Protein backbone atom coordinates (compact mmCIF):
# COMPACT_ATOMS: atom_id res chain seq x y z
CA MET A 1 53.59 100.72 84.05
CA LYS A 2 55.05 97.53 86.03
CA ASN A 3 57.30 97.68 88.93
CA PHE A 4 60.28 95.35 89.10
CA GLU A 5 58.16 92.35 90.42
CA ASP A 6 55.49 93.04 88.13
CA LEU A 7 58.46 92.71 85.00
CA LYS A 8 59.92 89.82 86.68
CA THR A 9 56.33 87.83 87.06
CA GLU A 10 55.32 88.88 83.10
CA PHE A 11 59.01 88.10 82.23
CA ILE A 12 58.86 84.62 83.67
CA ALA A 13 55.52 83.72 82.28
CA LEU A 14 56.92 84.71 78.69
CA ARG A 15 59.93 82.28 79.38
CA GLU A 16 57.36 79.35 80.77
CA SER A 17 55.72 79.68 76.86
CA LYS A 18 58.40 78.22 75.17
CA ASP A 19 58.39 80.71 72.43
CA ASN A 20 61.81 81.50 70.64
CA PHE A 21 62.48 84.73 70.50
CA GLU A 22 64.74 87.30 68.79
CA GLY A 23 66.29 90.69 69.67
CA TYR A 24 68.26 91.89 72.49
CA ILE A 25 67.83 92.54 76.13
CA LEU A 26 69.52 95.56 78.06
CA LEU A 27 70.54 95.57 80.96
CA SER A 28 71.87 98.38 83.10
CA ASP A 29 75.52 97.13 83.83
CA LYS A 30 76.25 94.71 80.37
CA GLU A 31 76.19 94.74 76.96
CA PRO A 32 73.26 93.91 75.13
CA LEU A 33 72.28 90.39 75.01
CA ILE A 34 71.39 89.30 71.40
CA LEU A 35 68.77 86.51 71.22
CA GLU A 36 68.74 84.58 67.81
CA SER A 37 65.50 82.20 68.04
CA ALA A 38 66.07 80.90 71.34
CA PRO A 39 64.24 80.85 74.83
CA LEU A 40 64.08 83.62 77.07
CA PRO A 41 66.74 83.57 79.41
CA ASP A 42 65.66 82.81 83.04
CA PHE A 43 65.06 86.28 84.93
CA ASP A 44 67.35 85.72 88.20
CA SER A 45 70.45 84.56 85.84
CA LEU A 46 69.92 88.51 84.38
CA HIS A 47 69.88 90.25 87.77
CA ASN A 48 72.69 90.74 90.14
CA GLY A 49 70.32 92.57 92.52
CA SER A 50 71.71 96.10 91.42
CA ASN A 51 71.25 95.76 88.01
CA PHE A 52 67.84 96.46 86.01
CA ILE A 53 66.68 96.38 82.33
CA VAL A 54 67.06 99.29 80.43
CA GLU A 55 65.45 98.40 77.60
CA SER A 56 64.71 95.03 75.28
CA ALA A 57 63.30 94.44 71.72
CA LEU A 58 61.62 91.04 71.24
CA PHE A 59 60.06 89.31 68.54
CA CYS A 60 58.35 86.19 68.44
CA LYS A 61 58.06 84.64 64.63
CA GLU A 62 55.54 81.96 65.51
CA ARG A 63 53.29 84.82 67.00
CA LYS A 64 54.12 87.54 65.06
CA THR A 65 54.69 89.58 68.26
CA CYS A 66 57.10 92.03 69.10
CA ILE A 67 57.69 92.67 73.01
CA CYS A 68 59.26 96.07 73.61
CA ILE A 69 60.32 96.66 77.22
CA ARG A 70 61.45 100.08 78.72
CA GLN A 71 62.60 101.32 82.02
CA ILE A 72 61.29 104.59 83.20
CA ASN A 73 62.29 106.40 86.39
CA ASP A 74 61.50 103.53 88.96
CA SER A 75 58.67 101.60 86.46
CA PHE A 76 58.71 99.35 83.40
CA LEU A 77 56.57 99.79 80.02
CA VAL A 78 55.86 97.04 78.57
CA GLN A 79 54.27 96.90 75.24
CA ARG A 80 52.96 94.02 73.03
CA PHE A 81 52.26 94.32 69.60
CA CYS A 82 50.56 91.77 67.29
CA LEU A 83 51.79 92.36 63.75
CA GLU A 84 48.91 90.62 62.07
CA SER A 85 46.33 92.83 63.75
CA TYR A 86 47.33 95.59 61.79
CA PRO A 87 46.71 95.76 58.07
CA HIS A 88 48.55 98.64 57.18
CA LYS A 89 52.31 97.85 57.45
CA ASN A 90 55.25 97.74 55.69
CA PHE A 91 58.94 96.48 56.62
CA GLU A 92 62.41 98.73 56.42
CA ARG A 93 65.57 96.58 57.36
CA PHE A 94 68.63 98.57 59.03
CA ILE A 95 72.13 97.06 59.40
CA THR A 96 73.50 96.60 63.06
CA ILE A 97 77.12 97.55 64.35
CA ASP A 98 77.65 93.52 64.27
CA ASN A 99 76.04 93.13 60.39
CA ARG A 100 73.07 91.62 61.02
CA VAL A 101 69.57 92.78 59.49
CA ALA A 102 67.31 94.11 61.86
CA LYS A 103 63.64 94.05 60.63
CA ILE A 104 62.04 97.20 61.50
CA ALA A 105 57.88 97.20 61.09
CA GLN A 106 56.05 100.41 60.48
CA ILE A 107 52.83 100.35 61.04
CA TRP A 108 50.14 102.98 59.52
CA GLU A 109 46.43 103.71 60.06
CA GLU A 110 44.42 105.53 57.68
CA VAL A 111 42.88 108.57 58.47
CA ILE A 112 40.84 111.44 56.67
CA ASP A 113 43.18 114.14 55.85
CA GLU A 114 41.80 117.61 55.51
CA ASN A 115 44.82 118.68 53.41
CA CYS A 116 44.06 116.26 50.96
CA GLU A 117 40.36 117.14 50.37
CA ASN A 118 39.01 114.66 53.06
CA LEU A 119 40.44 111.54 51.32
CA PRO A 120 41.83 108.67 53.36
CA VAL A 121 45.56 108.90 53.98
CA LEU A 122 48.09 106.94 55.82
CA LYS A 123 49.70 108.09 58.35
CA HIS A 124 52.80 106.54 60.37
CA LYS A 125 51.51 105.29 63.81
CA PHE A 126 54.42 103.82 65.37
CA SER A 127 57.42 101.29 64.39
CA VAL A 128 58.59 98.06 66.03
CA PHE A 129 61.63 95.73 65.71
CA ALA A 130 60.26 92.69 63.83
CA GLY A 131 63.30 90.23 64.15
CA PHE A 132 66.46 89.65 62.19
CA GLU A 133 66.46 88.46 58.82
CA SER A 134 68.98 85.67 58.32
CA GLN A 135 71.10 86.83 55.60
CA GLU A 136 73.72 89.28 57.09
CA PHE A 137 75.23 91.77 54.81
CA SER A 138 79.05 91.36 53.89
CA GLN A 139 81.22 94.62 53.59
CA ASP A 140 79.71 95.44 50.22
CA PHE A 141 76.91 96.82 51.66
CA ASP A 142 75.53 98.38 48.30
CA LYS A 143 75.96 94.82 46.12
CA ASP A 144 74.18 92.98 49.08
CA LEU A 145 71.23 95.74 48.63
CA GLU A 146 71.15 95.18 45.09
CA VAL A 147 70.90 91.41 45.32
CA ARG A 148 67.98 91.53 47.91
CA ASP A 149 66.13 93.84 45.83
CA PHE A 150 66.20 91.81 42.97
CA GLU A 151 65.30 88.64 45.21
CA ASN A 152 62.26 90.50 46.11
CA SER A 153 61.09 92.12 43.25
CA ASN A 154 61.17 88.16 41.81
CA LYS A 155 58.88 87.58 44.46
CA GLY A 156 56.12 89.58 42.95
CA GLY A 157 57.06 92.87 45.17
CA GLU A 158 56.89 91.58 48.36
CA ASN A 159 57.81 93.91 51.02
CA GLY A 160 58.08 92.01 54.37
């Protein structure tokens, strides 16, 4: 857990990395700030002295890393997940309120399951934001899904 100053230090280091991020930053007093392949904004420009980050989900495509920030009481939980370090994953897509397509990585772990004759099975471990897809959905969501499923099946069943 980090206090406000620790969060500020980490946020500044992320900004100074000059990496581009996709995702959102939800402040306590504003609408979510949506980032689409952009550097992080200046930390001080986000804060007015009485607000704070409620939560944030940021994804860096170049590093394949998700950074989640959640405010809990008077502290901040900051988690980093490098998707390449998880061998068992798949991606789900969700349509956001403004017709963006959010990609969520589902991470699985192999465990021995006594209910399956002690065979290894995959159990869901956690899910994280993994960026936006470039194609937005139109108002005809079902047709878009059919087209996307067809395109993915022609790429050899790629699921990510």
